[in-house]
Amino acid sequence: MRIFIWRHSKRFSSWSMLDEPHIHKENYLDADVSVLAASKEEALALLAQDNAWNIDELMRIEPEVVELDTPCIVQSHLSFQ
């Protein structure tokens, strides 16, 4: 099993970034989702069941992948305003 982490921020997006992904169906500033699954495809299938995540847009972003067989930092995130 692995943890797949997708993160996207629109905090600094502008008109020059018209092709920027929109990974959640709600309008957001920062979005992230972490899924425990055996494969990226399984993680995306689980997210598709939620019906809140835009799977096609998530596929444009390569997720962080955390292997569960060795000690590691699972996730860290900083946000400064």
N, C-alpha and C. Protein backbone atom coordinates (compact mmCIF):
# COMPACT_ATOMS: atom_id res chain seq x y z
N MET A 1 0.84 -1.18 0.00
CA MET A 1 0.00 0.00 0.00
C MET A 1 0.89 1.25 0.00
N ARG A 2 0.32 2.30 -0.52
CA ARG A 2 1.01 3.59 -0.60
C ARG A 2 0.02 4.70 -0.26
N ILE A 3 0.55 5.85 0.09
CA ILE A 3 -0.27 7.04 0.26
C ILE A 3 0.01 7.94 -0.94
N PHE A 4 -1.05 8.32 -1.63
CA PHE A 4 -0.95 9.23 -2.78
C PHE A 4 -1.49 10.58 -2.33
N ILE A 5 -0.68 11.62 -2.53
CA ILE A 5 -1.04 12.97 -2.08
C ILE A 5 -1.07 13.91 -3.27
N TRP A 6 -2.25 14.48 -3.51
CA TRP A 6 -2.39 15.51 -4.54
C TRP A 6 -2.60 16.83 -3.82
N ARG A 7 -1.89 17.85 -4.28
CA ARG A 7 -2.02 19.19 -3.69
C ARG A 7 -2.01 20.21 -4.81
N HIS A 8 -2.90 21.19 -4.69
CA HIS A 8 -2.93 22.25 -5.70
C HIS A 8 -3.35 23.56 -5.04
N SER A 9 -2.72 24.62 -5.44
CA SER A 9 -3.03 25.95 -4.91
C SER A 9 -3.35 26.90 -6.07
N LYS A 10 -4.41 27.65 -5.89
CA LYS A 10 -4.75 28.70 -6.87
C LYS A 10 -4.49 30.07 -6.27
N ARG A 11 -3.77 30.11 -5.18
CA ARG A 11 -3.52 31.35 -4.45
C ARG A 11 -2.87 32.41 -5.33
N PHE A 12 -1.97 32.01 -6.21
CA PHE A 12 -1.26 32.98 -7.04
C PHE A 12 -1.61 32.85 -8.51
N SER A 13 -2.74 32.23 -8.82
CA SER A 13 -3.07 32.08 -10.23
C SER A 13 -3.53 33.41 -10.81
N SER A 14 -3.34 33.52 -12.11
CA SER A 14 -3.71 34.76 -12.81
C SER A 14 -4.26 34.39 -14.18
N TRP A 15 -4.65 35.39 -14.94
CA TRP A 15 -5.19 35.13 -16.28
C TRP A 15 -4.17 34.44 -17.18
N SER A 16 -2.88 34.60 -16.87
CA SER A 16 -1.86 33.96 -17.69
C SER A 16 -1.81 32.44 -17.44
N MET A 17 -2.55 31.98 -16.46
CA MET A 17 -2.55 30.56 -16.11
C MET A 17 -3.92 29.93 -16.41
N LEU A 18 -4.45 30.22 -17.58
CA LEU A 18 -5.81 29.76 -17.92
C LEU A 18 -5.94 28.25 -17.97
N ASP A 19 -4.86 27.55 -18.21
CA ASP A 19 -4.92 26.10 -18.31
C ASP A 19 -4.58 25.42 -16.97
N GLU A 20 -4.65 26.16 -15.90
CA GLU A 20 -4.36 25.64 -14.57
C GLU A 20 -5.39 24.59 -14.18
N PRO A 21 -4.97 23.47 -13.55
CA PRO A 21 -5.94 22.45 -13.14
C PRO A 21 -6.93 22.97 -12.10
N HIS A 22 -8.09 22.39 -12.08
CA HIS A 22 -9.11 22.70 -11.07
C HIS A 22 -9.55 21.35 -10.50
N ILE A 23 -8.90 20.92 -9.38
CA ILE A 23 -9.02 19.53 -8.95
C ILE A 23 -10.26 19.20 -8.12
N HIS A 24 -10.96 20.22 -7.63
CA HIS A 24 -12.17 19.97 -6.81
C HIS A 24 -13.34 20.69 -7.45
N LYS A 25 -14.52 20.14 -7.26
CA LYS A 25 -15.70 20.72 -7.91
C LYS A 25 -16.13 22.05 -7.29
N GLU A 26 -15.74 22.30 -6.04
CA GLU A 26 -16.03 23.59 -5.41
C GLU A 26 -14.91 24.57 -5.78
N ASN A 27 -15.21 25.85 -5.63
CA ASN A 27 -14.19 26.86 -5.86
C ASN A 27 -13.29 26.89 -4.62
N TYR A 28 -12.00 26.71 -4.79
CA TYR A 28 -11.08 26.61 -3.67
C TYR A 28 -9.88 27.51 -3.88
N LEU A 29 -9.18 27.75 -2.79
CA LEU A 29 -7.91 28.46 -2.86
C LEU A 29 -6.76 27.46 -2.77
N ASP A 30 -6.84 26.56 -1.81
CA ASP A 30 -5.87 25.48 -1.66
C ASP A 30 -6.65 24.18 -1.48
N ALA A 31 -6.22 23.14 -2.15
CA ALA A 31 -6.87 21.84 -2.02
C ALA A 31 -5.81 20.76 -1.95
N ASP A 32 -6.03 19.81 -1.05
CA ASP A 32 -5.18 18.63 -1.05
C ASP A 32 -6.00 17.43 -0.60
N VAL A 33 -5.59 16.28 -1.09
CA VAL A 33 -6.26 15.04 -0.74
C VAL A 33 -5.20 13.95 -0.66
N SER A 34 -5.33 13.09 0.35
CA SER A 34 -4.42 11.97 0.55
C SER A 34 -5.23 10.69 0.53
N VAL A 35 -4.75 9.71 -0.22
CA VAL A 35 -5.49 8.46 -0.39
C VAL A 35 -4.55 7.28 -0.14
N LEU A 36 -5.01 6.33 0.65
CA LEU A 36 -4.27 5.09 0.88
C LEU A 36 -4.78 4.07 -0.13
N ALA A 37 -3.88 3.59 -0.99
CA ALA A 37 -4.28 2.65 -2.04
C ALA A 37 -3.07 1.86 -2.52
N ALA A 38 -3.32 0.80 -3.25
CA ALA A 38 -2.24 -0.04 -3.78
C ALA A 38 -1.63 0.57 -5.04
N SER A 39 -2.40 1.38 -5.78
CA SER A 39 -1.90 1.97 -7.02
C SER A 39 -2.54 3.35 -7.23
N LYS A 40 -1.95 4.10 -8.13
CA LYS A 40 -2.50 5.42 -8.48
C LYS A 40 -3.90 5.26 -9.07
N GLU A 41 -4.09 4.24 -9.88
CA GLU A 41 -5.40 4.00 -10.50
C GLU A 41 -6.46 3.71 -9.44
N GLU A 42 -6.10 2.91 -8.43
CA GLU A 42 -7.03 2.61 -7.35
C GLU A 42 -7.35 3.87 -6.54
N ALA A 43 -6.34 4.70 -6.31
CA ALA A 43 -6.55 5.96 -5.58
C ALA A 43 -7.52 6.86 -6.34
N LEU A 44 -7.33 6.98 -7.64
CA LEU A 44 -8.23 7.80 -8.45
C LEU A 44 -9.65 7.22 -8.47
N ALA A 45 -9.77 5.90 -8.49
CA ALA A 45 -11.09 5.26 -8.47
C ALA A 45 -11.80 5.55 -7.16
N LEU A 46 -11.07 5.53 -6.05
CA LEU A 46 -11.68 5.87 -4.76
C LEU A 46 -12.15 7.32 -4.74
N LEU A 47 -11.33 8.21 -5.30
CA LEU A 47 -11.72 9.63 -5.35
C LEU A 47 -12.93 9.83 -6.26
N ALA A 48 -13.04 9.05 -7.31
CA ALA A 48 -14.18 9.17 -8.22
C ALA A 48 -15.48 8.81 -7.50
N GLN A 49 -15.42 7.91 -6.53
CA GLN A 49 -16.62 7.54 -5.76
C GLN A 49 -17.11 8.69 -4.91
N ASP A 50 -16.20 9.57 -4.51
CA ASP A 50 -16.54 10.73 -3.67
C ASP A 50 -17.38 11.75 -4.45
N ASN A 51 -17.16 11.83 -5.75
CA ASN A 51 -17.90 12.72 -6.64
C ASN A 51 -17.65 14.21 -6.37
N ALA A 52 -16.61 14.53 -5.62
CA ALA A 52 -16.28 15.94 -5.37
C ALA A 52 -14.98 16.34 -6.06
N TRP A 53 -14.21 15.34 -6.48
CA TRP A 53 -12.90 15.59 -7.07
C TRP A 53 -12.97 15.42 -8.57
N ASN A 54 -12.32 16.32 -9.30
CA ASN A 54 -12.25 16.25 -10.77
C ASN A 54 -11.11 15.32 -11.17
N ILE A 55 -11.45 14.09 -11.49
CA ILE A 55 -10.45 13.06 -11.76
C ILE A 55 -9.58 13.42 -12.96
N ASP A 56 -10.17 13.93 -14.03
CA ASP A 56 -9.38 14.31 -15.20
C ASP A 56 -8.34 15.37 -14.86
N GLU A 57 -8.70 16.28 -13.97
CA GLU A 57 -7.77 17.33 -13.56
C GLU A 57 -6.70 16.76 -12.63
N LEU A 58 -7.07 15.86 -11.74
CA LEU A 58 -6.09 15.22 -10.86
C LEU A 58 -5.06 14.44 -11.66
N MET A 59 -5.49 13.87 -12.77
CA MET A 59 -4.57 13.09 -13.61
C MET A 59 -3.49 13.97 -14.25
N ARG A 60 -3.73 15.27 -14.30
CA ARG A 60 -2.73 16.19 -14.86
C ARG A 60 -1.61 16.49 -13.86
N ILE A 61 -1.84 16.17 -12.61
CA ILE A 61 -0.86 16.45 -11.55
C ILE A 61 -0.26 15.14 -11.07
N GLU A 62 1.04 15.06 -11.00
CA GLU A 62 1.68 13.86 -10.47
C GLU A 62 1.64 13.92 -8.94
N PRO A 63 1.04 12.93 -8.30
CA PRO A 63 0.94 12.99 -6.83
C PRO A 63 2.27 12.66 -6.16
N GLU A 64 2.42 13.14 -4.93
CA GLU A 64 3.50 12.63 -4.09
C GLU A 64 3.10 11.21 -3.71
N VAL A 65 4.05 10.30 -3.70
CA VAL A 65 3.77 8.92 -3.34
C VAL A 65 4.63 8.56 -2.14
N VAL A 66 3.97 8.10 -1.08
CA VAL A 66 4.66 7.70 0.13
C VAL A 66 4.56 6.19 0.26
N GLU A 67 5.71 5.53 0.24
CA GLU A 67 5.77 4.08 0.43
C GLU A 67 5.64 3.80 1.93
N LEU A 68 4.93 2.75 2.29
CA LEU A 68 4.69 2.46 3.70
C LEU A 68 5.63 1.41 4.28
N ASP A 69 6.69 1.07 3.57
CA ASP A 69 7.58 0.03 4.07
C ASP A 69 8.83 0.57 4.75
N THR A 70 9.02 1.90 4.74
CA THR A 70 10.16 2.51 5.42
C THR A 70 9.70 3.76 6.16
N PRO A 71 10.33 4.08 7.27
CA PRO A 71 9.97 5.30 8.00
C PRO A 71 10.22 6.54 7.14
N CYS A 72 9.31 7.49 7.20
CA CYS A 72 9.48 8.73 6.43
C CYS A 72 8.52 9.78 6.95
N ILE A 73 8.72 11.01 6.51
CA ILE A 73 7.76 12.07 6.78
C ILE A 73 6.64 11.90 5.78
N VAL A 74 5.42 11.73 6.27
CA VAL A 74 4.30 11.46 5.37
C VAL A 74 3.90 12.70 4.61
N GLN A 75 3.77 13.83 5.30
CA GLN A 75 3.35 15.04 4.61
C GLN A 75 3.77 16.24 5.43
N SER A 76 4.16 17.30 4.76
CA SER A 76 4.39 18.57 5.42
C SER A 76 3.85 19.66 4.50
N HIS A 77 3.32 20.69 5.10
CA HIS A 77 2.72 21.76 4.32
C HIS A 77 2.85 23.06 5.09
N LEU A 78 3.32 24.09 4.43
CA LEU A 78 3.41 25.42 5.02
C LEU A 78 2.64 26.39 4.17
N SER A 79 1.95 27.30 4.83
CA SER A 79 1.21 28.33 4.10
C SER A 79 1.43 29.65 4.80
N PHE A 80 1.98 30.60 4.10
CA PHE A 80 2.22 31.93 4.65
C PHE A 80 1.38 32.92 3.87
N GLN A 81 0.72 33.79 4.59
CA GLN A 81 -0.14 34.77 3.91
C GLN A 81 0.46 36.14 3.99
